[in-house]
PDB file of all heavy atoms in Angstrom:
ATOM      1  N   ALA A   1     -25.107   2.197  -2.468  1.00  0.00           N
ATOM      2  CA  ALA A   1     -23.783   2.194  -1.832  1.00  0.00           C
ATOM      3  C   ALA A   1     -23.710   1.137  -0.732  1.00  0.00           C
ATOM      4  O   ALA A   1     -22.696   0.441  -0.592  1.00  0.00           O
ATOM      5  CB  ALA A   1     -23.490   3.580  -1.261  1.00  0.00           C
ATOM      6  N   ALA A   2     -24.801   0.984   0.026  1.00  0.00           N
ATOM      7  CA  ALA A   2     -24.814  -0.015   1.097  1.00  0.00           C
ATOM      8  C   ALA A   2     -24.730  -1.428   0.523  1.00  0.00           C
ATOM      9  O   ALA A   2     -24.034  -2.297   1.064  1.00  0.00           O
ATOM     10  CB  ALA A   2     -26.076   0.147   1.938  1.00  0.00           C
ATOM     11  N   LEU A   3     -25.442  -1.664  -0.583  1.00  0.00           N
ATOM     12  CA  LEU A   3     -25.394  -2.981  -1.209  1.00  0.00           C
ATOM     13  C   LEU A   3     -24.004  -3.295  -1.741  1.00  0.00           C
ATOM     14  O   LEU A   3     -23.514  -4.425  -1.617  1.00  0.00           O
ATOM     15  CB  LEU A   3     -26.422  -3.060  -2.347  1.00  0.00           C
ATOM     16  CG  LEU A   3     -27.893  -3.038  -1.943  1.00  0.00           C
ATOM     17  CD1 LEU A   3     -28.786  -3.033  -3.171  1.00  0.00           C
ATOM     18  CD2 LEU A   3     -28.228  -4.237  -1.059  1.00  0.00           C
ATOM     19  N   MET A   4     -23.344  -2.293  -2.338  1.00  0.00           N
ATOM     20  CA  MET A   4     -22.002  -2.521  -2.863  1.00  0.00           C
ATOM     21  C   MET A   4     -21.023  -2.801  -1.726  1.00  0.00           C
ATOM     22  O   MET A   4     -20.156  -3.685  -1.845  1.00  0.00           O
ATOM     23  CB  MET A   4     -21.546  -1.306  -3.671  1.00  0.00           C
ATOM     24  CG  MET A   4     -22.312  -1.096  -4.976  1.00  0.00           C
ATOM     25  SD  MET A   4     -22.287  -2.542  -6.061  1.00  0.00           S
ATOM     26  CE  MET A   4     -20.538  -2.728  -6.327  1.00  0.00           C
ATOM     27  N   ARG A   5     -21.145  -2.068  -0.631  1.00  0.00           N
ATOM     28  CA  ARG A   5     -20.253  -2.323   0.509  1.00  0.00           C
ATOM     29  C   ARG A   5     -20.451  -3.741   1.039  1.00  0.00           C
ATOM     30  O   ARG A   5     -19.492  -4.434   1.393  1.00  0.00           O
ATOM     31  CB  ARG A   5     -20.514  -1.307   1.625  1.00  0.00           C
ATOM     32  CG  ARG A   5     -19.970   0.086   1.342  1.00  0.00           C
ATOM     33  CD  ARG A   5     -19.923   0.919   2.620  1.00  0.00           C
ATOM     34  NE  ARG A   5     -21.224   1.047   3.258  1.00  0.00           N
ATOM     35  CZ  ARG A   5     -22.090   2.015   2.984  1.00  0.00           C
ATOM     36  NH1 ARG A   5     -21.774   2.943   2.087  1.00  0.00           N
ATOM     37  NH2 ARG A   5     -23.250   2.068   3.605  1.00  0.00           N
ATOM     38  N   ARG A   6     -21.707  -4.162   1.078  1.00  0.00           N
ATOM     39  CA  ARG A   6     -21.995  -5.510   1.566  1.00  0.00           C
ATOM     40  C   ARG A   6     -21.408  -6.570   0.635  1.00  0.00           C
ATOM     41  O   ARG A   6     -20.817  -7.552   1.086  1.00  0.00           O
ATOM     42  CB  ARG A   6     -23.515  -5.677   1.657  1.00  0.00           C
ATOM     43  CG  ARG A   6     -23.956  -6.998   2.243  1.00  0.00           C
ATOM     44  CD  ARG A   6     -24.023  -6.921   3.742  1.00  0.00           C
ATOM     45  NE  ARG A   6     -24.682  -8.097   4.275  1.00  0.00           N
ATOM     46  CZ  ARG A   6     -24.041  -9.203   4.654  1.00  0.00           C
ATOM     47  NH1 ARG A   6     -22.724  -9.267   4.585  1.00  0.00           N
ATOM     48  NH2 ARG A   6     -24.718 -10.233   5.115  1.00  0.00           N
ATOM     49  N   ALA A   7     -21.578  -6.372  -0.669  1.00  0.00           N
ATOM     50  CA  ALA A   7     -21.063  -7.345  -1.637  1.00  0.00           C
ATOM     51  C   ALA A   7     -19.542  -7.420  -1.569  1.00  0.00           C
ATOM     52  O   ALA A   7     -18.958  -8.519  -1.553  1.00  0.00           O
ATOM     53  CB  ALA A   7     -21.512  -6.970  -3.049  1.00  0.00           C
ATOM     54  N   PHE A   8     -18.871  -6.262  -1.523  1.00  0.00           N
ATOM     55  CA  PHE A   8     -17.409  -6.268  -1.445  1.00  0.00           C
ATOM     56  C   PHE A   8     -16.932  -6.847  -0.125  1.00  0.00           C
ATOM     57  O   PHE A   8     -15.900  -7.523  -0.063  1.00  0.00           O
ATOM     58  CB  PHE A   8     -16.867  -4.859  -1.634  1.00  0.00           C
ATOM     59  CG  PHE A   8     -16.955  -4.371  -3.053  1.00  0.00           C
ATOM     60  CD1 PHE A   8     -17.194  -3.039  -3.329  1.00  0.00           C
ATOM     61  CD2 PHE A   8     -16.807  -5.245  -4.107  1.00  0.00           C
ATOM     62  CE1 PHE A   8     -17.285  -2.584  -4.636  1.00  0.00           C
ATOM     63  CE2 PHE A   8     -16.899  -4.807  -5.418  1.00  0.00           C
ATOM     64  CZ  PHE A   8     -17.143  -3.479  -5.689  1.00  0.00           C
ATOM     65  N   GLY A   9     -17.675  -6.576   0.950  1.00  0.00           N
ATOM     66  CA  GLY A   9     -17.305  -7.135   2.245  1.00  0.00           C
ATOM     67  C   GLY A   9     -17.336  -8.652   2.223  1.00  0.00           C
ATOM     68  O   GLY A   9     -16.441  -9.318   2.766  1.00  0.00           O
ATOM     69  N   ILE A  10     -18.369  -9.209   1.578  1.00  0.00           N
ATOM     70  CA  ILE A  10     -18.462 -10.672   1.467  1.00  0.00           C
ATOM     71  C   ILE A  10     -17.327 -11.212   0.601  1.00  0.00           C
ATOM     72  O   ILE A  10     -16.643 -12.171   0.963  1.00  0.00           O
ATOM     73  CB  ILE A  10     -19.825 -11.074   0.869  1.00  0.00           C
ATOM     74  CG1 ILE A  10     -20.954 -10.750   1.855  1.00  0.00           C
ATOM     75  CG2 ILE A  10     -19.846 -12.563   0.508  1.00  0.00           C
ATOM     76  CD1 ILE A  10     -22.343 -10.960   1.278  1.00  0.00           C
ATOM     77  N   TYR A  11     -17.108 -10.574  -0.556  1.00  0.00           N
ATOM     78  CA  TYR A  11     -16.099 -11.079  -1.509  1.00  0.00           C
ATOM     79  C   TYR A  11     -14.698 -10.979  -0.933  1.00  0.00           C
ATOM     80  O   TYR A  11     -13.939 -11.964  -0.938  1.00  0.00           O
ATOM     81  CB  TYR A  11     -16.201 -10.293  -2.812  1.00  0.00           C
ATOM     82  CG  TYR A  11     -15.367 -10.877  -3.932  1.00  0.00           C
ATOM     83  CD1 TYR A  11     -15.883 -11.863  -4.758  1.00  0.00           C
ATOM     84  CD2 TYR A  11     -14.064 -10.455  -4.155  1.00  0.00           C
ATOM     85  CE1 TYR A  11     -15.133 -12.410  -5.786  1.00  0.00           C
ATOM     86  CE2 TYR A  11     -13.301 -10.994  -5.177  1.00  0.00           C
ATOM     87  CZ  TYR A  11     -13.840 -11.969  -5.991  1.00  0.00           C
ATOM     88  OH  TYR A  11     -13.079 -12.514  -6.998  1.00  0.00           O
ATOM     89  N   PHE A  12     -14.323  -9.807  -0.423  1.00  0.00           N
ATOM     90  CA  PHE A  12     -12.973  -9.626   0.100  1.00  0.00           C
ATOM     91  C   PHE A  12     -12.780 -10.438   1.380  1.00  0.00           C
ATOM     92  O   PHE A  12     -11.676 -10.906   1.656  1.00  0.00           O
ATOM     93  CB  PHE A  12     -12.704  -8.142   0.370  1.00  0.00           C
ATOM     94  CG  PHE A  12     -12.312  -7.379  -0.865  1.00  0.00           C
ATOM     95  CD1 PHE A  12     -13.266  -7.010  -1.797  1.00  0.00           C
ATOM     96  CD2 PHE A  12     -10.994  -7.035  -1.103  1.00  0.00           C
ATOM     97  CE1 PHE A  12     -12.923  -6.309  -2.937  1.00  0.00           C
ATOM     98  CE2 PHE A  12     -10.640  -6.332  -2.243  1.00  0.00           C
ATOM     99  CZ  PHE A  12     -11.604  -5.968  -3.175  1.00  0.00           C
ATOM    100  N   GLY A  13     -13.847 -10.604   2.159  1.00  0.00           N
ATOM    101  CA  GLY A  13     -13.727 -11.392   3.376  1.00  0.00           C
ATOM    102  C   GLY A  13     -13.572 -12.874   3.101  1.00  0.00           C
ATOM    103  O   GLY A  13     -12.838 -13.570   3.797  1.00  0.00           O
ATOM    104  N   ALA A  14     -14.262 -13.366   2.065  1.00  0.00           N
ATOM    105  CA  ALA A  14     -14.211 -14.802   1.758  1.00  0.00           C
ATOM    106  C   ALA A  14     -12.977 -15.178   0.947  1.00  0.00           C
ATOM    107  O   ALA A  14     -12.405 -16.251   1.139  1.00  0.00           O
ATOM    108  CB  ALA A  14     -15.472 -15.214   0.994  1.00  0.00           C
ATOM    109  N   ALA A  15     -12.558 -14.319   0.029  1.00  0.00           N
ATOM    110  CA  ALA A  15     -11.430 -14.651  -0.856  1.00  0.00           C
ATOM    111  C   ALA A  15     -10.532 -13.428  -1.058  1.00  0.00           C
ATOM    112  O   ALA A  15     -10.499 -12.854  -2.147  1.00  0.00           O
ATOM    113  CB  ALA A  15     -11.960 -15.161  -2.196  1.00  0.00           C
ATOM    114  N   PRO A  16      -9.790 -13.009  -0.026  1.00  0.00           N
ATOM    115  CA  PRO A  16      -8.971 -11.788  -0.156  1.00  0.00           C
ATOM    116  C   PRO A  16      -7.907 -11.885  -1.232  1.00  0.00           C
ATOM    117  O   PRO A  16      -7.664 -10.910  -1.963  1.00  0.00           O
ATOM    118  CB  PRO A  16      -8.355 -11.629   1.242  1.00  0.00           C
ATOM    119  CG  PRO A  16      -8.466 -12.982   1.879  1.00  0.00           C
ATOM    120  CD  PRO A  16      -9.685 -13.608   1.302  1.00  0.00           C
ATOM    121  N   TRP A  17      -7.264 -13.050  -1.377  1.00  0.00           N
ATOM    122  CA  TRP A  17      -6.196 -13.159  -2.374  1.00  0.00           C
ATOM    123  C   TRP A  17      -6.771 -13.051  -3.785  1.00  0.00           C
ATOM    124  O   TRP A  17      -6.184 -12.421  -4.663  1.00  0.00           O
ATOM    125  CB  TRP A  17      -5.448 -14.485  -2.206  1.00  0.00           C
ATOM    126  CG  TRP A  17      -6.171 -15.671  -2.771  1.00  0.00           C
ATOM    127  CD1 TRP A  17      -7.052 -16.464  -2.133  1.00  0.00           C
ATOM    128  CD2 TRP A  17      -6.071 -16.169  -4.105  1.00  0.00           C
ATOM    129  NE1 TRP A  17      -7.526 -17.447  -2.967  1.00  0.00           N
ATOM    130  CE2 TRP A  17      -6.932 -17.300  -4.195  1.00  0.00           C
ATOM    131  CE3 TRP A  17      -5.355 -15.789  -5.224  1.00  0.00           C
ATOM    132  CZ2 TRP A  17      -7.079 -18.029  -5.359  1.00  0.00           C
ATOM    133  CZ3 TRP A  17      -5.499 -16.525  -6.399  1.00  0.00           C
ATOM    134  CH2 TRP A  17      -6.356 -17.630  -6.463  1.00  0.00           C
ATOM    135  N   ALA A  18      -7.937 -13.640  -4.016  1.00  0.00           N
ATOM    136  CA  ALA A  18      -8.574 -13.558  -5.324  1.00  0.00           C
ATOM    137  C   ALA A  18      -9.002 -12.125  -5.626  1.00  0.00           C
ATOM    138  O   ALA A  18      -8.953 -11.686  -6.783  1.00  0.00           O
ATOM    139  CB  ALA A  18      -9.780 -14.489  -5.372  1.00  0.00           C
ATOM    140  N   ALA A  19      -9.403 -11.386  -4.586  1.00  0.00           N
ATOM    141  CA  ALA A  19      -9.791  -9.984  -4.782  1.00  0.00           C
ATOM    142  C   ALA A  19      -8.597  -9.148  -5.247  1.00  0.00           C
ATOM    143  O   ALA A  19      -8.706  -8.322  -6.162  1.00  0.00           O
ATOM    144  CB  ALA A  19     -10.372  -9.427  -3.486  1.00  0.00           C
ATOM    145  N   VAL A  20      -7.438  -9.369  -4.618  1.00  0.00           N
ATOM    146  CA  VAL A  20      -6.236  -8.627  -5.009  1.00  0.00           C
ATOM    147  C   VAL A  20      -5.828  -8.991  -6.434  1.00  0.00           C
ATOM    148  O   VAL A  20      -5.503  -8.119  -7.250  1.00  0.00           O
ATOM    149  CB  VAL A  20      -5.082  -8.920  -4.021  1.00  0.00           C
ATOM    150  CG1 VAL A  20      -3.782  -8.294  -4.519  1.00  0.00           C
ATOM    151  CG2 VAL A  20      -5.430  -8.409  -2.631  1.00  0.00           C
ATOM    152  N   VAL A  21      -5.853 -10.291  -6.748  1.00  0.00           N
ATOM    153  CA  VAL A  21      -5.506 -10.733  -8.102  1.00  0.00           C
ATOM    154  C   VAL A  21      -6.442 -10.115  -9.127  1.00  0.00           C
ATOM    155  O   VAL A  21      -6.011  -9.673 -10.201  1.00  0.00           O
ATOM    156  CB  VAL A  21      -5.558 -12.280  -8.181  1.00  0.00           C
ATOM    157  CG1 VAL A  21      -5.489 -12.752  -9.631  1.00  0.00           C
ATOM    158  CG2 VAL A  21      -4.414 -12.886  -7.386  1.00  0.00           C
ATOM    159  N   SER A  22      -7.723 -10.047  -8.823  1.00  0.00           N
ATOM    160  CA  SER A  22      -8.684  -9.499  -9.775  1.00  0.00           C
ATOM    161  C   SER A  22      -8.442  -8.015 -10.042  1.00  0.00           C
ATOM    162  O   SER A  22      -8.644  -7.546 -11.165  1.00  0.00           O
ATOM    163  CB  SER A  22     -10.113  -9.718  -9.264  1.00  0.00           C
ATOM    164  OG  SER A  22     -10.334  -9.039  -8.044  1.00  0.00           O
ATOM    165  N   ILE A  23      -7.994  -7.286  -9.033  1.00  0.00           N
ATOM    166  CA  ILE A  23      -7.693  -5.863  -9.239  1.00  0.00           C
ATOM    167  C   ILE A  23      -6.493  -5.705 -10.164  1.00  0.00           C
ATOM    168  O   ILE A  23      -6.488  -4.860 -11.079  1.00  0.00           O
ATOM    169  CB  ILE A  23      -7.440  -5.174  -7.887  1.00  0.00           C
ATOM    170  CG1 ILE A  23      -8.731  -5.135  -7.065  1.00  0.00           C
ATOM    171  CG2 ILE A  23      -6.913  -3.761  -8.100  1.00  0.00           C
ATOM    172  CD1 ILE A  23      -8.551  -4.618  -5.659  1.00  0.00           C
ATOM    173  N   VAL A  24      -5.455  -6.510  -9.937  1.00  0.00           N
ATOM    174  CA  VAL A  24      -4.272  -6.457 -10.802  1.00  0.00           C
ATOM    175  C   VAL A  24      -4.655  -6.800 -12.237  1.00  0.00           C
ATOM    176  O   VAL A  24      -4.237  -6.136 -13.194  1.00  0.00           O
ATOM    177  CB  VAL A  24      -3.189  -7.420 -10.281  1.00  0.00           C
ATOM    178  CG1 VAL A  24      -2.022  -7.496 -11.257  1.00  0.00           C
ATOM    179  CG2 VAL A  24      -2.707  -6.985  -8.905  1.00  0.00           C
ATOM    180  N   ILE A  25      -5.452  -7.843 -12.394  1.00  0.00           N
ATOM    181  CA  ILE A  25      -5.880  -8.265 -13.725  1.00  0.00           C
ATOM    182  C   ILE A  25      -6.710  -7.178 -14.397  1.00  0.00           C
ATOM    183  O   ILE A  25      -6.629  -6.983 -15.614  1.00  0.00           O
ATOM    184  CB  ILE A  25      -6.664  -9.589 -13.618  1.00  0.00           C
ATOM    185  CG1 ILE A  25      -5.706 -10.726 -13.227  1.00  0.00           C
ATOM    186  CG2 ILE A  25      -7.371  -9.913 -14.917  1.00  0.00           C
ATOM    187  CD1 ILE A  25      -6.388 -12.040 -12.931  1.00  0.00           C
ATOM    188  N   MET A  26      -7.527  -6.461 -13.612  1.00  0.00           N
ATOM    189  CA  MET A  26      -8.320  -5.373 -14.175  1.00  0.00           C
ATOM    190  C   MET A  26      -7.425  -4.322 -14.820  1.00  0.00           C
ATOM    191  O   MET A  26      -7.652  -3.895 -15.963  1.00  0.00           O
ATOM    192  CB  MET A  26      -9.161  -4.715 -13.078  1.00  0.00           C
ATOM    193  CG  MET A  26      -9.917  -3.478 -13.526  1.00  0.00           C
ATOM    194  SD  MET A  26     -10.565  -2.493 -12.148  1.00  0.00           S
ATOM    195  CE  MET A  26      -9.038  -1.780 -11.493  1.00  0.00           C
ATOM    196  N   VAL A  27      -6.375  -3.920 -14.107  1.00  0.00           N
ATOM    197  CA  VAL A  27      -5.472  -2.886 -14.624  1.00  0.00           C
ATOM    198  C   VAL A  27      -4.734  -3.388 -15.863  1.00  0.00           C
ATOM    199  O   VAL A  27      -4.689  -2.709 -16.904  1.00  0.00           O
ATOM    200  CB  VAL A  27      -4.474  -2.456 -13.533  1.00  0.00           C
ATOM    201  CG1 VAL A  27      -3.479  -1.455 -14.102  1.00  0.00           C
ATOM    202  CG2 VAL A  27      -5.219  -1.862 -12.349  1.00  0.00           C
ATOM    203  N   VAL A  28      -4.165  -4.581 -15.767  1.00  0.00           N
ATOM    204  CA  VAL A  28      -3.416  -5.130 -16.898  1.00  0.00           C
ATOM    205  C   VAL A  28      -4.325  -5.354 -18.095  1.00  0.00           C
ATOM    206  O   VAL A  28      -3.967  -5.032 -19.236  1.00  0.00           O
ATOM    207  CB  VAL A  28      -2.726  -6.447 -16.480  1.00  0.00           C
ATOM    208  CG1 VAL A  28      -2.041  -7.088 -17.676  1.00  0.00           C
ATOM    209  CG2 VAL A  28      -1.714  -6.188 -15.375  1.00  0.00           C
ATOM    210  N   GLY A  29      -5.519  -5.903 -17.846  1.00  0.00           N
ATOM    211  CA  GLY A  29      -6.451  -6.132 -18.935  1.00  0.00           C
ATOM    212  C   GLY A  29      -6.884  -4.845 -19.620  1.00  0.00           C
ATOM    213  O   GLY A  29      -7.056  -4.805 -20.840  1.00  0.00           O
ATOM    214  N   GLY A  30      -7.063  -3.790 -18.838  1.00  0.00           N
ATOM    215  CA  GLY A  30      -7.454  -2.515 -19.429  1.00  0.00           C
ATOM    216  C   GLY A  30      -6.374  -1.909 -20.301  1.00  0.00           C
ATOM    217  O   GLY A  30      -6.666  -1.172 -21.247  1.00  0.00           O
ATOM    218  N   LEU A  31      -5.111  -2.205 -19.993  1.00  0.00           N
ATOM    219  CA  LEU A  31      -3.997  -1.629 -20.747  1.00  0.00           C
ATOM    220  C   LEU A  31      -3.546  -2.520 -21.897  1.00  0.00           C
ATOM    221  O   LEU A  31      -2.759  -2.076 -22.754  1.00  0.00           O
ATOM    222  CB  LEU A  31      -2.807  -1.386 -19.807  1.00  0.00           C
ATOM    223  CG  LEU A  31      -3.028  -0.329 -18.716  1.00  0.00           C
ATOM    224  CD1 LEU A  31      -1.845  -0.285 -17.777  1.00  0.00           C
ATOM    225  CD2 LEU A  31      -3.282   1.045 -19.326  1.00  0.00           C
ATOM    226  N   THR A  32      -4.018  -3.772 -21.936  1.00  0.00           N
ATOM    227  CA  THR A  32      -3.551  -4.709 -22.958  1.00  0.00           C
ATOM    228  C   THR A  32      -3.895  -4.238 -24.362  1.00  0.00           C
ATOM    229  O   THR A  32      -3.055  -4.276 -25.276  1.00  0.00           O
ATOM    230  CB  THR A  32      -4.154  -6.108 -22.712  1.00  0.00           C
ATOM    231  OG1 THR A  32      -3.684  -6.594 -21.455  1.00  0.00           O
ATOM    232  CG2 THR A  32      -3.755  -7.075 -23.810  1.00  0.00           C
TER     233      THR A  32
END
């Protein structure tokens, strides 16, 4: 859990807009 928090902290901190886009794409891709 600590490693995942660290990885997400780095990713969302470095590229927040890309993180939001990737979540949207995840939902749409799963329903396609």
